[in-house]
Amino acid sequence: MLQENCYVVSDDSKECIIIDCGAYYNGESEAIISYIRDNNLTPVHLVGTHGHLDHHLGDYAIHEAFGLLPEVHRQDSELTLHLDRQAEEMFGITLSYPNLSLGDELDEDEGLSFGHHHFRVIHTPGHSHGSVCLYCEEEKVLFTGDTLFRSSIGRTDFKEGNMMLMIQSLRSLAQLPDSTVVYPGHGPSTTMGYELQTNPFLDR
């Protein structure tokens, strides 16, 4: 109902990571789980680019199916630990499952690895204190969550938002190659070069 993008990223090792599993309806969670099983993939990380509810609604189903716990930046750990509170305060809904504990923290120094690939964890506060982007230099792909969208950026008017920090975060992303393919948390994919040309919030 919130049109959030969930990504299952895999390589020829058959390991995969799940990024921003915002599956609200049972059919959505089942489709993700079926995709993983039908392709004989082994999930090794359940990652949240930040702690907002719409990016974690499917975490419990993934935990039940594969035993994974959500991994977020330490500055968004409290948000992610209390999804029920977010559901009631922000959306007026009651979750039908308990809150999960957290897995490993996303570490900027260590990054995130699966199979034959490695993601650099880039801390990009602005939409939330603990927002991150995941960058694979080898493949030139960037998963931006709610930091950068096609021709737009994430909201900064939430309690955890900060426009000045967002501008700083966007400037750090703008240093990546123009050919970098951007996969955002909402909406269509784009490239860094396109955003530098068209996005009023982005420049070098």
C-alpha atoms as a PDB file:
ATOM      1  CA  MET A   1       0.000   0.000   0.000  1.00  0.00           C
ATOM      2  CA  LEU A   2       3.037   2.255   0.353  1.00  0.00           C
ATOM      3  CA  GLN A   3       4.659   1.198  -2.947  1.00  0.00           C
ATOM      4  CA  GLU A   4       8.024   0.485  -1.349  1.00  0.00           C
ATOM      5  CA  ASN A   5      10.791  -1.318  -3.237  1.00  0.00           C
ATOM      6  CA  CYS A   6      12.202  -4.568  -1.874  1.00  0.00           C
ATOM      7  CA  TYR A   7      15.342  -5.982  -3.507  1.00  0.00           C
ATOM      8  CA  VAL A   8      16.666  -9.552  -3.496  1.00  0.00           C
ATOM      9  CA  VAL A   9      20.277  -9.291  -4.655  1.00  0.00           C
ATOM     10  CA  SER A  10      22.139 -12.465  -5.599  1.00  0.00           C
ATOM     11  CA  ASP A  11      25.104 -13.681  -7.626  1.00  0.00           C
ATOM     12  CA  ASP A  12      26.282 -16.994  -9.071  1.00  0.00           C
ATOM     13  CA  SER A  13      27.242 -18.232  -5.594  1.00  0.00           C
ATOM     14  CA  LYS A  14      23.475 -18.492  -4.934  1.00  0.00           C
ATOM     15  CA  GLU A  15      23.843 -16.424  -1.780  1.00  0.00           C
ATOM     16  CA  CYS A  16      21.624 -13.363  -1.571  1.00  0.00           C
ATOM     17  CA  ILE A  17      20.739 -10.404   0.580  1.00  0.00           C
ATOM     18  CA  ILE A  18      17.275  -8.931   1.058  1.00  0.00           C
ATOM     19  CA  ILE A  19      17.140  -5.136   1.167  1.00  0.00           C
ATOM     20  CA  ASP A  20      14.147  -3.231   2.631  1.00  0.00           C
ATOM     21  CA  CYS A  21      11.537  -5.962   2.929  1.00  0.00           C
ATOM     22  CA  GLY A  22       8.441  -3.769   3.123  1.00  0.00           C
ATOM     23  CA  ALA A  23       5.943  -6.521   2.306  1.00  0.00           C
ATOM     24  CA  TYR A  24       2.693  -5.481   3.997  1.00  0.00           C
ATOM     25  CA  TYR A  25       0.377  -8.174   2.648  1.00  0.00           C
ATOM     26  CA  ASN A  26       0.887 -11.911   3.089  1.00  0.00           C
ATOM     27  CA  GLY A  27       0.891 -12.402  -0.673  1.00  0.00           C
ATOM     28  CA  GLU A  28       3.829 -10.017  -1.015  1.00  0.00           C
ATOM     29  CA  SER A  29       5.923 -11.828   1.597  1.00  0.00           C
ATOM     30  CA  GLU A  30       5.006 -15.162   0.025  1.00  0.00           C
ATOM     31  CA  ALA A  31       6.085 -13.913  -3.412  1.00  0.00           C
ATOM     32  CA  ILE A  32       9.505 -12.887  -2.056  1.00  0.00           C
ATOM     33  CA  ILE A  33       9.993 -16.174  -0.213  1.00  0.00           C
ATOM     34  CA  SER A  34       8.889 -18.166  -3.268  1.00  0.00           C
ATOM     35  CA  TYR A  35      11.300 -16.255  -5.507  1.00  0.00           C
ATOM     36  CA  ILE A  36      14.171 -17.082  -3.160  1.00  0.00           C
ATOM     37  CA  ARG A  37      13.261 -20.754  -2.908  1.00  0.00           C
ATOM     38  CA  ASP A  38      12.418 -21.207  -6.593  1.00  0.00           C
ATOM     39  CA  ASN A  39      15.855 -19.860  -7.511  1.00  0.00           C
ATOM     40  CA  ASN A  40      17.608 -21.981  -4.864  1.00  0.00           C
ATOM     41  CA  LEU A  41      19.025 -18.902  -3.158  1.00  0.00           C
ATOM     42  CA  THR A  42      20.438 -18.760   0.363  1.00  0.00           C
ATOM     43  CA  PRO A  43      19.684 -15.475   2.142  1.00  0.00           C
ATOM     44  CA  VAL A  44      22.538 -14.358   4.387  1.00  0.00           C
ATOM     45  CA  HIS A  45      21.505 -10.787   5.291  1.00  0.00           C
ATOM     46  CA  LEU A  46      18.186  -8.979   5.875  1.00  0.00           C
ATOM     47  CA  VAL A  47      19.112  -5.324   5.522  1.00  0.00           C
ATOM     48  CA  GLY A  48      17.238  -2.111   6.249  1.00  0.00           C
ATOM     49  CA  THR A  49      18.509   1.097   4.681  1.00  0.00           C
ATOM     50  CA  HIS A  50      16.842   2.811   7.635  1.00  0.00           C
ATOM     51  CA  GLY A  51      14.420   2.062  10.435  1.00  0.00           C
ATOM     52  CA  HIS A  52      11.061   3.269   9.139  1.00  0.00           C
ATOM     53  CA  LEU A  53       8.203   0.801   9.283  1.00  0.00           C
ATOM     54  CA  ASP A  54       7.407   0.700   5.568  1.00  0.00           C
ATOM     55  CA  HIS A  55      10.838  -0.814   4.903  1.00  0.00           C
ATOM     56  CA  HIS A  56      10.445  -3.549   7.527  1.00  0.00           C
ATOM     57  CA  LEU A  57       6.856  -4.797   7.301  1.00  0.00           C
ATOM     58  CA  GLY A  58       8.017  -8.114   5.821  1.00  0.00           C
ATOM     59  CA  ASP A  59      10.895  -8.728   8.228  1.00  0.00           C
ATOM     60  CA  TYR A  60       8.943 -11.085  10.471  1.00  0.00           C
ATOM     61  CA  ALA A  61       7.904 -13.326   7.564  1.00  0.00           C
ATOM     62  CA  ILE A  62      11.519 -13.483   6.358  1.00  0.00           C
ATOM     63  CA  HIS A  63      12.662 -14.285   9.892  1.00  0.00           C
ATOM     64  CA  GLU A  64      10.172 -17.138  10.135  1.00  0.00           C
ATOM     65  CA  ALA A  65      11.183 -18.541   6.752  1.00  0.00           C
ATOM     66  CA  PHE A  66      14.968 -18.150   6.947  1.00  0.00           C
ATOM     67  CA  GLY A  67      15.883 -17.238  10.515  1.00  0.00           C
ATOM     68  CA  LEU A  68      17.392 -13.859   9.633  1.00  0.00           C
ATOM     69  CA  LEU A  69      17.190 -10.775  11.836  1.00  0.00           C
ATOM     70  CA  PRO A  70      17.126  -7.225  10.454  1.00  0.00           C
ATOM     71  CA  GLU A  71      20.433  -5.381  10.203  1.00  0.00           C
ATOM     72  CA  VAL A  72      20.410  -1.580  10.405  1.00  0.00           C
ATOM     73  CA  HIS A  73      22.762   1.239  11.325  1.00  0.00           C
ATOM     74  CA  ARG A  74      23.149   1.659  15.079  1.00  0.00           C
ATOM     75  CA  GLN A  75      21.514   5.112  14.971  1.00  0.00           C
ATOM     76  CA  ASP A  76      18.271   3.570  13.687  1.00  0.00           C
ATOM     77  CA  SER A  77      18.274   0.561  15.993  1.00  0.00           C
ATOM     78  CA  GLU A  78      15.651   2.008  18.361  1.00  0.00           C
ATOM     79  CA  LEU A  79      13.291   2.751  15.474  1.00  0.00           C
ATOM     80  CA  THR A  80      13.612  -0.787  14.165  1.00  0.00           C
ATOM     81  CA  LEU A  81      13.207  -2.400  17.572  1.00  0.00           C
ATOM     82  CA  HIS A  82       9.829  -0.683  18.048  1.00  0.00           C
ATOM     83  CA  LEU A  83       7.981  -1.148  14.772  1.00  0.00           C
ATOM     84  CA  ASP A  84       4.726  -1.609  16.702  1.00  0.00           C
ATOM     85  CA  ARG A  85       5.036   1.926  18.080  1.00  0.00           C
ATOM     86  CA  GLN A  86       5.631   3.321  14.588  1.00  0.00           C
ATOM     87  CA  ALA A  87       2.641   1.390  13.239  1.00  0.00           C
ATOM     88  CA  GLU A  88       0.308   2.912  15.814  1.00  0.00           C
ATOM     89  CA  GLU A  89       1.700   6.445  15.845  1.00  0.00           C
ATOM     90  CA  MET A  90       2.317   6.970  12.123  1.00  0.00           C
ATOM     91  CA  PHE A  91      -0.207   4.719  10.394  1.00  0.00           C
ATOM     92  CA  GLY A  92      -2.887   3.935  12.974  1.00  0.00           C
ATOM     93  CA  ILE A  93      -2.484   0.180  12.515  1.00  0.00           C
ATOM     94  CA  THR A  94      -1.695  -2.667  14.895  1.00  0.00           C
ATOM     95  CA  LEU A  95       0.877  -5.212  13.801  1.00  0.00           C
ATOM     96  CA  SER A  96      -0.170  -8.858  14.025  1.00  0.00           C
ATOM     97  CA  TYR A  97       3.311 -10.077  14.999  1.00  0.00           C
ATOM     98  CA  PRO A  98       5.861  -9.200  17.686  1.00  0.00           C
ATOM     99  CA  ASN A  99       8.868  -6.935  17.309  1.00  0.00           C
ATOM    100  CA  LEU A 100      12.098  -8.678  16.365  1.00  0.00           C
ATOM    101  CA  SER A 101      15.477  -8.291  17.958  1.00  0.00           C
ATOM    102  CA  LEU A 102      18.237  -7.056  15.671  1.00  0.00           C
ATOM    103  CA  GLY A 103      21.060  -8.811  13.877  1.00  0.00           C
ATOM    104  CA  ASP A 104      24.506  -7.331  13.319  1.00  0.00           C
ATOM    105  CA  GLU A 105      24.798  -3.568  13.027  1.00  0.00           C
ATOM    106  CA  LEU A 106      25.643  -2.183   9.606  1.00  0.00           C
ATOM    107  CA  ASP A 107      29.249  -1.081   9.932  1.00  0.00           C
ATOM    108  CA  GLU A 108      30.771   1.560   7.675  1.00  0.00           C
ATOM    109  CA  ASP A 109      34.262   0.121   8.127  1.00  0.00           C
ATOM    110  CA  GLU A 110      33.382  -3.524   7.524  1.00  0.00           C
ATOM    111  CA  GLY A 111      30.706  -3.117   4.854  1.00  0.00           C
ATOM    112  CA  LEU A 112      28.468  -6.008   3.868  1.00  0.00           C
ATOM    113  CA  SER A 113      29.422  -9.132   1.929  1.00  0.00           C
ATOM    114  CA  PHE A 114      27.605 -12.003   0.295  1.00  0.00           C
ATOM    115  CA  GLY A 115      28.731 -14.546  -2.276  1.00  0.00           C
ATOM    116  CA  HIS A 116      31.413 -12.970  -4.468  1.00  0.00           C
ATOM    117  CA  HIS A 117      30.342  -9.372  -3.856  1.00  0.00           C
ATOM    118  CA  HIS A 118      30.905  -6.645  -1.315  1.00  0.00           C
ATOM    119  CA  PHE A 119      28.843  -3.552  -0.504  1.00  0.00           C
ATOM    120  CA  ARG A 120      30.273  -0.418   1.030  1.00  0.00           C
ATOM    121  CA  VAL A 121      27.952   0.924   3.724  1.00  0.00           C
ATOM    122  CA  ILE A 122      27.657   4.705   3.332  1.00  0.00           C
ATOM    123  CA  HIS A 123      26.080   6.509   6.286  1.00  0.00           C
ATOM    124  CA  THR A 124      23.666   9.077   4.815  1.00  0.00           C
ATOM    125  CA  PRO A 125      21.725  10.793   7.626  1.00  0.00           C
ATOM    126  CA  GLY A 126      18.990  13.205   6.681  1.00  0.00           C
ATOM    127  CA  HIS A 127      15.844  11.138   6.214  1.00  0.00           C
ATOM    128  CA  SER A 128      16.644   9.429   9.510  1.00  0.00           C
ATOM    129  CA  HIS A 129      19.658   9.474  11.808  1.00  0.00           C
ATOM    130  CA  GLY A 130      20.783   6.019  10.713  1.00  0.00           C
ATOM    131  CA  SER A 131      19.973   6.036   7.013  1.00  0.00           C
ATOM    132  CA  VAL A 132      22.539   4.236   4.866  1.00  0.00           C
ATOM    133  CA  CYS A 133      23.177   3.548   1.200  1.00  0.00           C
ATOM    134  CA  LEU A 134      24.790   0.360  -0.084  1.00  0.00           C
ATOM    135  CA  TYR A 135      27.327   0.691  -2.897  1.00  0.00           C
ATOM    136  CA  CYS A 136      28.870  -2.126  -4.926  1.00  0.00           C
ATOM    137  CA  GLU A 137      31.885  -0.646  -6.687  1.00  0.00           C
ATOM    138  CA  GLU A 138      32.405  -3.717  -8.874  1.00  0.00           C
ATOM    139  CA  GLU A 139      28.909  -3.572 -10.354  1.00  0.00           C
ATOM    140  CA  LYS A 140      28.493   0.224 -10.049  1.00  0.00           C
ATOM    141  CA  VAL A 141      25.124  -0.080  -8.297  1.00  0.00           C
ATOM    142  CA  LEU A 142      23.811   1.911  -5.345  1.00  0.00           C
ATOM    143  CA  PHE A 143      20.809   1.116  -3.143  1.00  0.00           C
ATOM    144  CA  THR A 144      19.698   4.429  -1.654  1.00  0.00           C
ATOM    145  CA  GLY A 145      16.648   3.677   0.491  1.00  0.00           C
ATOM    146  CA  ASP A 146      14.880   6.978   1.146  1.00  0.00           C
ATOM    147  CA  THR A 147      17.936   9.183   0.699  1.00  0.00           C
ATOM    148  CA  LEU A 148      17.847   9.630  -3.077  1.00  0.00           C
ATOM    149  CA  PHE A 149      14.968   9.050  -5.509  1.00  0.00           C
ATOM    150  CA  ARG A 150      14.661   9.651  -9.229  1.00  0.00           C
ATOM    151  CA  SER A 151      14.520  13.468  -9.523  1.00  0.00           C
ATOM    152  CA  SER A 152      13.793  13.820  -5.809  1.00  0.00           C
ATOM    153  CA  ILE A 153      15.015  13.016  -2.295  1.00  0.00           C
ATOM    154  CA  GLY A 154      13.582  11.543   0.885  1.00  0.00           C
ATOM    155  CA  ARG A 155      11.528  13.583   3.310  1.00  0.00           C
ATOM    156  CA  THR A 156      13.314  15.447   6.073  1.00  0.00           C
ATOM    157  CA  ASP A 157      10.264  16.622   8.034  1.00  0.00           C
ATOM    158  CA  PHE A 158      10.014  13.535  10.243  1.00  0.00           C
ATOM    159  CA  LYS A 159      11.262  13.688  13.838  1.00  0.00           C
ATOM    160  CA  GLU A 160      14.530  12.023  12.789  1.00  0.00           C
ATOM    161  CA  GLY A 161      14.959  14.177   9.661  1.00  0.00           C
ATOM    162  CA  ASN A 162      17.478  16.936   9.057  1.00  0.00           C
ATOM    163  CA  MET A 163      17.775  18.869   5.794  1.00  0.00           C
ATOM    164  CA  MET A 164      21.329  20.065   6.394  1.00  0.00           C
ATOM    165  CA  LEU A 165      22.508  16.507   7.017  1.00  0.00           C
ATOM    166  CA  MET A 166      20.618  15.371   3.925  1.00  0.00           C
ATOM    167  CA  ILE A 167      22.457  17.884   1.742  1.00  0.00           C
ATOM    168  CA  GLN A 168      25.791  16.688   3.127  1.00  0.00           C
ATOM    169  CA  SER A 169      24.809  13.068   2.469  1.00  0.00           C
ATOM    170  CA  LEU A 170      23.771  13.842  -1.102  1.00  0.00           C
ATOM    171  CA  ARG A 171      27.085  15.579  -1.742  1.00  0.00           C
ATOM    172  CA  SER A 172      28.947  12.449  -0.678  1.00  0.00           C
ATOM    173  CA  LEU A 173      26.836  10.308  -3.035  1.00  0.00           C
ATOM    174  CA  ALA A 174      27.453  12.754  -5.884  1.00  0.00           C
ATOM    175  CA  GLN A 175      31.119  11.754  -5.866  1.00  0.00           C
ATOM    176  CA  LEU A 176      30.235   8.308  -7.217  1.00  0.00           C
ATOM    177  CA  PRO A 177      30.630   7.659 -10.972  1.00  0.00           C
ATOM    178  CA  ASP A 178      27.936   9.053 -13.286  1.00  0.00           C
ATOM    179  CA  SER A 179      27.329   5.512 -14.581  1.00  0.00           C
ATOM    180  CA  THR A 180      26.262   4.284 -11.137  1.00  0.00           C
ATOM    181  CA  VAL A 181      22.775   2.748 -11.308  1.00  0.00           C
ATOM    182  CA  VAL A 182      20.621   3.941  -8.405  1.00  0.00           C
ATOM    183  CA  TYR A 183      17.956   1.674  -6.908  1.00  0.00           C
ATOM    184  CA  PRO A 184      15.833   3.733  -4.487  1.00  0.00           C
ATOM    185  CA  GLY A 185      13.434   2.725  -1.751  1.00  0.00           C
ATOM    186  CA  HIS A 186      10.472   4.093  -3.691  1.00  0.00           C
ATOM    187  CA  GLY A 187       9.891   4.693  -7.376  1.00  0.00           C
ATOM    188  CA  PRO A 188      11.907   3.833 -10.500  1.00  0.00           C
ATOM    189  CA  SER A 189      15.655   3.330 -10.810  1.00  0.00           C
ATOM    190  CA  THR A 190      17.915   6.042 -12.165  1.00  0.00           C
ATOM    191  CA  THR A 191      21.620   6.827 -12.594  1.00  0.00           C
ATOM    192  CA  MET A 192      23.878   9.197 -10.735  1.00  0.00           C
ATOM    193  CA  GLY A 193      24.614  11.045 -13.966  1.00  0.00           C
ATOM    194  CA  TYR A 194      20.896  11.612 -14.635  1.00  0.00           C
ATOM    195  CA  GLU A 195      20.375  12.887 -11.104  1.00  0.00           C
ATOM    196  CA  LEU A 196      23.293  15.295 -11.357  1.00  0.00           C
ATOM    197  CA  GLN A 197      21.713  16.719 -14.506  1.00  0.00           C
ATOM    198  CA  THR A 198      18.080  16.886 -13.353  1.00  0.00           C
ATOM    199  CA  ASN A 199      17.774  16.650  -9.569  1.00  0.00           C
ATOM    200  CA  PRO A 200      17.642  20.136  -8.001  1.00  0.00           C
ATOM    201  CA  PHE A 201      18.995  18.779  -4.704  1.00  0.00           C
ATOM    202  CA  LEU A 202      22.114  17.188  -6.163  1.00  0.00           C
ATOM    203  CA  ASP A 203      25.356  18.736  -7.357  1.00  0.00           C
ATOM    204  CA  ARG A 204      29.079  18.298  -7.039  1.00  0.00           C
END
